[in-house]
């Protein structure tokens, strides 16, 4: 099942949700048939602040 009304668990909306759910459905079918699907790329789920804090802490360790 795919479309605008399907929840994906990914940060997408409307047309992006339709396309993403279509890829997820296709990947599920391909997996059943023993074939490899396509990787889906998305934005980080937590935002960039955590990544920036982590990078700043790592930079401080090496300075």
N, C-alpha and C. Protein backbone atom coordinates (compact mmCIF):
# COMPACT_ATOMS: atom_id res chain seq x y z
N UNK A 1 0.84 -1.17 0.00
CA UNK A 1 0.00 0.00 0.00
C UNK A 1 0.89 1.24 0.00
N UNK A 2 0.54 2.21 -0.78
CA UNK A 2 1.32 3.45 -0.87
C UNK A 2 0.39 4.61 -1.16
N UNK A 3 0.86 5.80 -0.85
CA UNK A 3 0.08 7.00 -1.16
C UNK A 3 0.24 8.08 -0.11
N UNK A 4 -0.52 9.17 -0.28
CA UNK A 4 -0.42 10.31 0.63
C UNK A 4 -0.90 10.01 2.03
N UNK A 5 -1.79 9.04 2.20
CA UNK A 5 -2.38 8.77 3.51
C UNK A 5 -1.64 7.69 4.30
N UNK A 6 -0.58 7.14 3.75
CA UNK A 6 0.16 6.08 4.41
C UNK A 6 1.26 6.68 5.27
N UNK A 7 1.33 6.26 6.53
CA UNK A 7 2.40 6.73 7.41
C UNK A 7 3.69 5.99 7.10
N UNK A 8 4.80 6.73 7.13
CA UNK A 8 6.07 6.11 6.78
C UNK A 8 7.07 6.07 7.92
N UNK A 9 6.90 6.89 8.94
CA UNK A 9 7.90 6.96 10.00
C UNK A 9 9.07 7.85 9.63
N UNK A 10 9.02 8.44 8.46
CA UNK A 10 10.07 9.35 7.99
C UNK A 10 9.51 10.76 7.91
N UNK A 11 10.36 11.79 8.03
CA UNK A 11 9.86 13.17 7.98
C UNK A 11 9.54 13.62 6.55
N UNK A 12 8.40 13.19 6.05
CA UNK A 12 7.97 13.54 4.69
C UNK A 12 6.51 13.99 4.74
N UNK A 13 6.07 14.73 3.72
CA UNK A 13 4.69 15.19 3.67
C UNK A 13 4.18 15.15 2.23
N UNK A 14 2.91 14.92 2.10
CA UNK A 14 2.16 14.93 0.84
C UNK A 14 2.84 14.20 -0.31
N UNK A 15 3.26 14.91 -1.35
CA UNK A 15 3.82 14.23 -2.53
C UNK A 15 5.06 13.42 -2.17
N UNK A 16 5.86 13.92 -1.25
CA UNK A 16 7.04 13.16 -0.82
C UNK A 16 6.62 11.87 -0.13
N UNK A 17 5.52 11.94 0.63
CA UNK A 17 5.03 10.74 1.32
C UNK A 17 4.56 9.71 0.30
N UNK A 18 3.91 10.15 -0.75
CA UNK A 18 3.45 9.22 -1.78
C UNK A 18 4.64 8.53 -2.45
N UNK A 19 5.65 9.29 -2.79
CA UNK A 19 6.82 8.70 -3.44
C UNK A 19 7.58 7.79 -2.48
N UNK A 20 7.76 8.24 -1.23
CA UNK A 20 8.50 7.46 -0.25
C UNK A 20 7.77 6.16 0.07
N UNK A 21 6.46 6.24 0.28
CA UNK A 21 5.71 5.02 0.58
C UNK A 21 5.72 4.06 -0.60
N UNK A 22 5.76 4.59 -1.81
CA UNK A 22 5.88 3.74 -3.00
C UNK A 22 7.20 2.99 -3.02
N UNK A 23 8.29 3.70 -2.70
CA UNK A 23 9.59 3.04 -2.64
C UNK A 23 9.62 1.99 -1.52
N UNK A 24 9.04 2.32 -0.37
CA UNK A 24 9.02 1.36 0.74
C UNK A 24 8.22 0.12 0.37
N UNK A 25 7.08 0.31 -0.30
CA UNK A 25 6.27 -0.84 -0.73
C UNK A 25 7.02 -1.68 -1.76
N UNK A 26 7.68 -1.02 -2.70
CA UNK A 26 8.45 -1.76 -3.72
C UNK A 26 9.60 -2.52 -3.07
N UNK A 27 10.27 -1.88 -2.12
CA UNK A 27 11.38 -2.56 -1.43
C UNK A 27 10.89 -3.78 -0.66
N UNK A 28 9.70 -3.69 -0.04
CA UNK A 28 9.13 -4.82 0.68
C UNK A 28 8.85 -5.98 -0.27
N UNK A 29 8.30 -5.68 -1.43
CA UNK A 29 8.03 -6.73 -2.42
C UNK A 29 9.33 -7.34 -2.95
N UNK A 30 10.29 -6.50 -3.25
CA UNK A 30 11.57 -7.01 -3.75
C UNK A 30 12.24 -7.91 -2.72
N UNK A 31 12.16 -7.54 -1.44
CA UNK A 31 12.74 -8.36 -0.39
C UNK A 31 12.09 -9.73 -0.34
N UNK A 32 10.77 -9.78 -0.51
CA UNK A 32 10.06 -11.07 -0.54
C UNK A 32 10.57 -11.97 -1.67
N UNK A 33 10.94 -11.36 -2.78
CA UNK A 33 11.41 -12.11 -3.94
C UNK A 33 12.92 -12.32 -3.93
N UNK A 34 13.57 -11.93 -2.84
CA UNK A 34 15.00 -12.14 -2.71
C UNK A 34 15.84 -11.16 -3.51
N UNK A 35 15.26 -10.02 -3.87
CA UNK A 35 15.98 -9.01 -4.64
C UNK A 35 16.27 -7.80 -3.78
N UNK A 36 17.31 -7.07 -4.13
CA UNK A 36 17.71 -5.89 -3.39
C UNK A 36 16.91 -4.67 -3.85
N UNK A 37 16.41 -3.89 -2.90
CA UNK A 37 15.69 -2.68 -3.22
C UNK A 37 16.62 -1.48 -3.28
N UNK A 38 16.05 -0.31 -3.19
CA UNK A 38 16.81 0.94 -3.24
C UNK A 38 16.88 1.56 -1.85
N UNK A 39 18.03 2.11 -1.50
CA UNK A 39 18.18 2.81 -0.23
C UNK A 39 17.43 4.14 -0.31
N UNK A 40 16.78 4.50 0.78
CA UNK A 40 16.08 5.79 0.86
C UNK A 40 16.89 6.73 1.73
N UNK A 41 17.16 7.90 1.20
CA UNK A 41 17.89 8.93 1.94
C UNK A 41 16.89 9.94 2.48
N UNK A 42 17.12 10.43 3.68
CA UNK A 42 16.22 11.40 4.28
C UNK A 42 17.02 12.33 5.18
N UNK A 43 16.36 13.33 5.68
CA UNK A 43 17.01 14.26 6.59
C UNK A 43 17.16 13.60 7.96
N UNK A 44 18.08 14.08 8.79
CA UNK A 44 18.22 13.51 10.13
C UNK A 44 16.94 13.67 10.95
N UNK A 45 16.63 12.69 11.77
CA UNK A 45 15.43 12.74 12.57
C UNK A 45 15.53 13.66 13.78
N UNK A 46 16.75 13.95 14.25
CA UNK A 46 16.91 14.76 15.45
C UNK A 46 17.30 16.19 15.18
N UNK A 47 17.60 16.54 13.99
CA UNK A 47 18.05 17.89 13.71
C UNK A 47 19.57 17.98 13.73
N UNK A 48 20.07 19.15 13.40
CA UNK A 48 21.50 19.30 13.26
C UNK A 48 22.20 19.73 14.54
N UNK A 49 21.48 20.25 15.50
CA UNK A 49 22.12 20.77 16.70
C UNK A 49 22.90 19.69 17.43
N UNK A 50 22.34 18.50 17.56
CA UNK A 50 23.03 17.41 18.23
C UNK A 50 24.31 17.06 17.49
N UNK A 51 24.26 17.03 16.17
CA UNK A 51 25.45 16.71 15.38
C UNK A 51 26.51 17.80 15.53
N UNK A 52 26.08 19.05 15.57
CA UNK A 52 27.03 20.15 15.74
C UNK A 52 27.67 20.12 17.12
N UNK A 53 26.89 19.81 18.14
CA UNK A 53 27.45 19.69 19.49
C UNK A 53 28.46 18.56 19.57
N UNK A 54 28.14 17.44 18.94
CA UNK A 54 29.05 16.31 18.91
C UNK A 54 30.35 16.69 18.20
N UNK A 55 30.23 17.37 17.05
CA UNK A 55 31.41 17.77 16.28
C UNK A 55 32.26 18.76 17.08
N UNK A 56 31.62 19.68 17.78
CA UNK A 56 32.36 20.66 18.58
C UNK A 56 33.10 19.98 19.72
N UNK A 57 32.46 19.00 20.34
CA UNK A 57 33.11 18.27 21.42
C UNK A 57 34.29 17.47 20.90
N UNK A 58 34.14 16.87 19.74
CA UNK A 58 35.25 16.10 19.14
C UNK A 58 36.40 17.03 18.77
N UNK A 59 36.09 18.20 18.26
CA UNK A 59 37.14 19.16 17.87
C UNK A 59 37.89 19.64 19.11
N UNK A 60 37.19 19.78 20.23
CA UNK A 60 37.82 20.21 21.47
C UNK A 60 38.76 19.16 22.02
N UNK A 61 38.46 17.87 21.77
CA UNK A 61 39.33 16.79 22.26
C UNK A 61 40.67 16.75 21.55
N UNK A 62 40.73 17.25 20.32
CA UNK A 62 41.95 17.16 19.54
C UNK A 62 42.76 18.45 19.57
N UNK A 63 42.28 19.48 20.24
CA UNK A 63 42.94 20.78 20.20
C UNK A 63 43.82 20.98 21.31
